[in-house]
Amino acid sequence: MDIRPIESRDNEALAKVIRAALAEFGANKPGTVYFDPTTDALFELFRTPGSYYYVATLDEKVVGGCGIFPTENLPQGTCELVKLYVAKEARGTGLGKQLMEKSMSWAKENSYTQVYLESMPELKKAVSIYEKVGFQPLDHPLGNSGHDGCDIWMLKAL
């Protein structure tokens, strides 16, 4: 597997990976990235200053991705870990953890001091991975992600 920065040619494949994963776990509901129009234009979204997105490929096929985004109204020094999705055929390989760690390393190198994320009960496998790498649960959301379909909020110091 190869992990590299996002390219414009990745938009369609990434949107398919994200929506397939959400549908598979029954998390394709309003208020999530499933219906977020930026899901179809991730390359453009991640041109935002303070953001970065990694794409994972297997034999030139996009099989996952993860990024960092300076979500509106987060506390000073905080970024959001966003759009961590891995295609079914690449799960169980440690790829999700690799993508997450690479993204958090980028955040730390770029002066962020903590990482926030949002998830939902349908993605409990991902939530357990977040806990294992040190994310702590919060009882309320931070910032303004626009994803009111998420009701699990977590924070990790870098």
C-alpha atoms as a PDB file:
ATOM      1  CA  MET A   1       0.000   0.000   0.000  1.00  0.00           C
ATOM      2  CA  ASP A   2       1.050   3.521  -0.712  1.00  0.00           C
ATOM      3  CA  ILE A   3       0.057   6.635   1.252  1.00  0.00           C
ATOM      4  CA  ARG A   4       0.389   9.971  -0.521  1.00  0.00           C
ATOM      5  CA  PRO A   5      -1.115  13.480  -0.576  1.00  0.00           C
ATOM      6  CA  ILE A   6      -4.515  13.868  -2.226  1.00  0.00           C
ATOM      7  CA  GLU A   7      -4.666  14.691  -5.939  1.00  0.00           C
ATOM      8  CA  SER A   8      -7.582  16.082  -7.949  1.00  0.00           C
ATOM      9  CA  ARG A   9      -8.013  12.732  -9.715  1.00  0.00           C
ATOM     10  CA  ASP A  10      -8.886  11.140  -6.329  1.00  0.00           C
ATOM     11  CA  ASN A  11     -12.187  12.964  -5.776  1.00  0.00           C
ATOM     12  CA  GLU A  12     -14.585  10.454  -7.348  1.00  0.00           C
ATOM     13  CA  ALA A  13     -12.883   7.354  -5.925  1.00  0.00           C
ATOM     14  CA  LEU A  14     -12.683   8.824  -2.403  1.00  0.00           C
ATOM     15  CA  ALA A  15     -16.348   9.830  -2.452  1.00  0.00           C
ATOM     16  CA  LYS A  16     -17.237   6.233  -3.390  1.00  0.00           C
ATOM     17  CA  VAL A  17     -15.084   4.779  -0.573  1.00  0.00           C
ATOM     18  CA  ILE A  18     -16.619   7.155   1.987  1.00  0.00           C
ATOM     19  CA  ARG A  19     -20.240   6.631   0.942  1.00  0.00           C
ATOM     20  CA  ALA A  20     -19.835   2.844   0.626  1.00  0.00           C
ATOM     21  CA  ALA A  21     -18.401   2.619   4.151  1.00  0.00           C
ATOM     22  CA  LEU A  22     -21.166   4.765   5.638  1.00  0.00           C
ATOM     23  CA  ALA A  23     -23.865   2.756   3.833  1.00  0.00           C
ATOM     24  CA  GLU A  24     -22.289  -0.543   4.912  1.00  0.00           C
ATOM     25  CA  PHE A  25     -22.542   0.442   8.592  1.00  0.00           C
ATOM     26  CA  GLY A  26     -25.969   2.069   8.333  1.00  0.00           C
ATOM     27  CA  ALA A  27     -24.495   5.522   8.914  1.00  0.00           C
ATOM     28  CA  ASN A  28     -25.638   7.019   5.614  1.00  0.00           C
ATOM     29  CA  LYS A  29     -27.965   9.477   7.287  1.00  0.00           C
ATOM     30  CA  PRO A  30     -28.612  13.223   7.081  1.00  0.00           C
ATOM     31  CA  GLY A  31     -26.158  15.374   9.009  1.00  0.00           C
ATOM     32  CA  THR A  32     -23.162  13.224   8.023  1.00  0.00           C
ATOM     33  CA  VAL A  33     -20.501  13.461   5.319  1.00  0.00           C
ATOM     34  CA  TYR A  34     -22.635  11.069   3.249  1.00  0.00           C
ATOM     35  CA  PHE A  35     -24.767  14.049   2.230  1.00  0.00           C
ATOM     36  CA  ASP A  36     -22.066  16.731   2.509  1.00  0.00           C
ATOM     37  CA  PRO A  37     -21.349  18.179  -0.960  1.00  0.00           C
ATOM     38  CA  THR A  38     -17.672  18.642  -0.063  1.00  0.00           C
ATOM     39  CA  THR A  39     -17.351  14.836  -0.064  1.00  0.00           C
ATOM     40  CA  ASP A  40     -17.338  15.030  -3.872  1.00  0.00           C
ATOM     41  CA  ALA A  41     -14.610  17.703  -3.934  1.00  0.00           C
ATOM     42  CA  LEU A  42     -12.086  16.726  -1.275  1.00  0.00           C
ATOM     43  CA  PHE A  43      -9.080  17.875  -3.288  1.00  0.00           C
ATOM     44  CA  GLU A  44     -10.539  21.380  -3.433  1.00  0.00           C
ATOM     45  CA  LEU A  45     -11.612  21.301   0.235  1.00  0.00           C
ATOM     46  CA  PHE A  46      -8.120  20.366   1.349  1.00  0.00           C
ATOM     47  CA  ARG A  47      -6.580  23.402  -0.358  1.00  0.00           C
ATOM     48  CA  THR A  48      -7.807  25.272   2.759  1.00  0.00           C
ATOM     49  CA  PRO A  49      -4.829  26.657   4.725  1.00  0.00           C
ATOM     50  CA  GLY A  50      -4.108  24.510   7.792  1.00  0.00           C
ATOM     51  CA  SER A  51      -5.551  21.378   6.206  1.00  0.00           C
ATOM     52  CA  TYR A  52      -4.010  18.252   4.694  1.00  0.00           C
ATOM     53  CA  TYR A  53      -5.358  14.969   3.330  1.00  0.00           C
ATOM     54  CA  TYR A  54      -3.658  11.619   2.750  1.00  0.00           C
ATOM     55  CA  VAL A  55      -4.869   8.996   0.283  1.00  0.00           C
ATOM     56  CA  ALA A  56      -4.070   5.293   0.482  1.00  0.00           C
ATOM     57  CA  THR A  57      -3.799   3.244  -2.688  1.00  0.00           C
ATOM     58  CA  LEU A  58      -3.388  -0.446  -3.345  1.00  0.00           C
ATOM     59  CA  ASP A  59      -2.235  -1.333  -6.851  1.00  0.00           C
ATOM     60  CA  GLU A  60      -3.096   2.225  -7.949  1.00  0.00           C
ATOM     61  CA  LYS A  61      -6.676   1.889  -6.617  1.00  0.00           C
ATOM     62  CA  VAL A  62      -7.839   4.353  -3.935  1.00  0.00           C
ATOM     63  CA  VAL A  63      -8.707   2.338  -0.809  1.00  0.00           C
ATOM     64  CA  GLY A  64      -8.841   5.001   1.887  1.00  0.00           C
ATOM     65  CA  GLY A  65      -7.962   8.387   3.209  1.00  0.00           C
ATOM     66  CA  CYS A  66      -7.730  10.630   6.243  1.00  0.00           C
ATOM     67  CA  GLY A  67      -7.112  14.295   6.840  1.00  0.00           C
ATOM     68  CA  ILE A  68      -6.715  17.243   9.140  1.00  0.00           C
ATOM     69  CA  PHE A  69      -8.969  20.266   8.888  1.00  0.00           C
ATOM     70  CA  PRO A  70      -9.075  23.607  10.737  1.00  0.00           C
ATOM     71  CA  THR A  71     -12.793  23.365  11.495  1.00  0.00           C
ATOM     72  CA  GLU A  72     -14.494  26.655  12.293  1.00  0.00           C
ATOM     73  CA  ASN A  73     -14.700  27.713  15.951  1.00  0.00           C
ATOM     74  CA  LEU A  74     -12.426  25.023  17.385  1.00  0.00           C
ATOM     75  CA  PRO A  75     -10.287  26.089  20.371  1.00  0.00           C
ATOM     76  CA  GLN A  76      -6.908  27.673  19.609  1.00  0.00           C
ATOM     77  CA  GLY A  77      -4.360  25.073  18.448  1.00  0.00           C
ATOM     78  CA  THR A  78      -7.033  22.459  17.720  1.00  0.00           C
ATOM     79  CA  CYS A  79      -7.712  20.790  14.368  1.00  0.00           C
ATOM     80  CA  GLU A  80     -10.187  18.110  13.400  1.00  0.00           C
ATOM     81  CA  LEU A  81      -9.297  14.604  12.210  1.00  0.00           C
ATOM     82  CA  VAL A  82     -11.683  14.166   9.298  1.00  0.00           C
ATOM     83  CA  LYS A  83     -12.880  11.747   6.690  1.00  0.00           C
ATOM     84  CA  LEU A  84     -11.002   8.656   7.867  1.00  0.00           C
ATOM     85  CA  TYR A  85     -12.434   5.894   5.724  1.00  0.00           C
ATOM     86  CA  VAL A  86     -10.993   2.615   4.478  1.00  0.00           C
ATOM     87  CA  ALA A  87     -12.530   0.418   1.764  1.00  0.00           C
ATOM     88  CA  LYS A  88     -13.785  -2.963   2.907  1.00  0.00           C
ATOM     89  CA  GLU A  89     -11.021  -4.841   1.072  1.00  0.00           C
ATOM     90  CA  ALA A  90      -8.296  -2.898   2.909  1.00  0.00           C
ATOM     91  CA  ARG A  91      -9.697  -3.127   6.439  1.00  0.00           C
ATOM     92  CA  GLY A  92      -7.949  -5.184   9.086  1.00  0.00           C
ATOM     93  CA  THR A  93      -4.528  -4.308   7.663  1.00  0.00           C
ATOM     94  CA  GLY A  94      -3.717  -1.461  10.048  1.00  0.00           C
ATOM     95  CA  LEU A  95      -4.218   1.056   7.244  1.00  0.00           C
ATOM     96  CA  GLY A  96      -6.752   3.156   9.164  1.00  0.00           C
ATOM     97  CA  LYS A  97      -4.362   3.522  12.085  1.00  0.00           C
ATOM     98  CA  GLN A  98      -1.491   4.372   9.718  1.00  0.00           C
ATOM     99  CA  LEU A  99      -3.569   7.077   8.014  1.00  0.00           C
ATOM    100  CA  MET A 100      -4.637   8.487  11.367  1.00  0.00           C
ATOM    101  CA  GLU A 101      -1.095   8.556  12.769  1.00  0.00           C
ATOM    102  CA  LYS A 102       0.299  10.150   9.601  1.00  0.00           C
ATOM    103  CA  SER A 103      -2.409  12.833   9.754  1.00  0.00           C
ATOM    104  CA  MET A 104      -1.769  13.535  13.443  1.00  0.00           C
ATOM    105  CA  SER A 105       1.978  13.768  12.797  1.00  0.00           C
ATOM    106  CA  TRP A 106       1.277  16.350  10.096  1.00  0.00           C
ATOM    107  CA  ALA A 107      -0.930  18.259  12.565  1.00  0.00           C
ATOM    108  CA  LYS A 108       1.792  18.285  15.217  1.00  0.00           C
ATOM    109  CA  GLU A 109       4.445  19.369  12.699  1.00  0.00           C
ATOM    110  CA  ASN A 110       2.124  22.226  11.727  1.00  0.00           C
ATOM    111  CA  SER A 111       1.759  23.576  15.277  1.00  0.00           C
ATOM    112  CA  TYR A 112      -1.541  22.012  16.290  1.00  0.00           C
ATOM    113  CA  THR A 113      -1.596  20.948  19.944  1.00  0.00           C
ATOM    114  CA  GLN A 114      -4.745  18.821  19.990  1.00  0.00           C
ATOM    115  CA  VAL A 115      -6.938  16.885  17.595  1.00  0.00           C
ATOM    116  CA  TYR A 116     -10.733  16.684  17.774  1.00  0.00           C
ATOM    117  CA  LEU A 117     -12.979  14.209  15.976  1.00  0.00           C
ATOM    118  CA  GLU A 118     -16.636  13.378  15.571  1.00  0.00           C
ATOM    119  CA  SER A 119     -18.127   9.935  15.012  1.00  0.00           C
ATOM    120  CA  MET A 120     -21.296   7.940  15.623  1.00  0.00           C
ATOM    121  CA  PRO A 121     -22.269   4.658  17.312  1.00  0.00           C
ATOM    122  CA  GLU A 122     -22.654   2.919  13.942  1.00  0.00           C
ATOM    123  CA  LEU A 123     -18.881   3.271  13.503  1.00  0.00           C
ATOM    124  CA  LYS A 124     -18.016   1.600  16.837  1.00  0.00           C
ATOM    125  CA  LYS A 125     -14.997  -0.242  15.394  1.00  0.00           C
ATOM    126  CA  ALA A 126     -13.433   3.106  14.457  1.00  0.00           C
ATOM    127  CA  VAL A 127     -14.312   4.554  17.864  1.00  0.00           C
ATOM    128  CA  SER A 128     -12.472   1.693  19.586  1.00  0.00           C
ATOM    129  CA  ILE A 129      -9.378   2.473  17.470  1.00  0.00           C
ATOM    130  CA  TYR A 130      -9.610   6.159  18.428  1.00  0.00           C
ATOM    131  CA  GLU A 131      -9.702   5.171  22.101  1.00  0.00           C
ATOM    132  CA  LYS A 132      -6.658   2.900  21.684  1.00  0.00           C
ATOM    133  CA  VAL A 133      -4.563   5.763  20.267  1.00  0.00           C
ATOM    134  CA  GLY A 134      -5.498   8.066  23.138  1.00  0.00           C
ATOM    135  CA  PHE A 135      -8.622   9.982  22.153  1.00  0.00           C
ATOM    136  CA  GLN A 136     -10.767  10.874  25.171  1.00  0.00           C
ATOM    137  CA  PRO A 137     -14.565  11.195  25.003  1.00  0.00           C
ATOM    138  CA  LEU A 138     -16.231  14.599  25.331  1.00  0.00           C
ATOM    139  CA  ASP A 139     -19.814  15.253  26.419  1.00  0.00           C
ATOM    140  CA  HIS A 140     -20.423  17.948  23.797  1.00  0.00           C
ATOM    141  CA  PRO A 141     -19.250  18.899  20.299  1.00  0.00           C
ATOM    142  CA  LEU A 142     -16.522  21.457  19.632  1.00  0.00           C
ATOM    143  CA  GLY A 143     -16.417  23.872  16.709  1.00  0.00           C
ATOM    144  CA  ASN A 144     -18.837  23.997  13.834  1.00  0.00           C
ATOM    145  CA  SER A 145     -18.381  20.963  11.567  1.00  0.00           C
ATOM    146  CA  GLY A 146     -21.950  21.099  10.290  1.00  0.00           C
ATOM    147  CA  HIS A 147     -22.334  17.354  10.929  1.00  0.00           C
ATOM    148  CA  ASP A 148     -25.139  17.222  13.451  1.00  0.00           C
ATOM    149  CA  GLY A 149     -25.664  13.528  12.695  1.00  0.00           C
ATOM    150  CA  CYS A 150     -22.584  12.740  14.784  1.00  0.00           C
ATOM    151  CA  ASP A 151     -23.053  12.258  18.525  1.00  0.00           C
ATOM    152  CA  ILE A 152     -19.652  10.966  19.604  1.00  0.00           C
ATOM    153  CA  TRP A 153     -17.009  13.634  20.177  1.00  0.00           C
ATOM    154  CA  MET A 154     -13.397  12.971  21.158  1.00  0.00           C
ATOM    155  CA  LEU A 155     -10.194  14.923  21.794  1.00  0.00           C
ATOM    156  CA  LYS A 156      -6.509  13.991  21.920  1.00  0.00           C
ATOM    157  CA  ALA A 157      -3.504  16.081  22.948  1.00  0.00           C
ATOM    158  CA  LEU A 158      -0.579  15.923  20.523  1.00  0.00           C
END
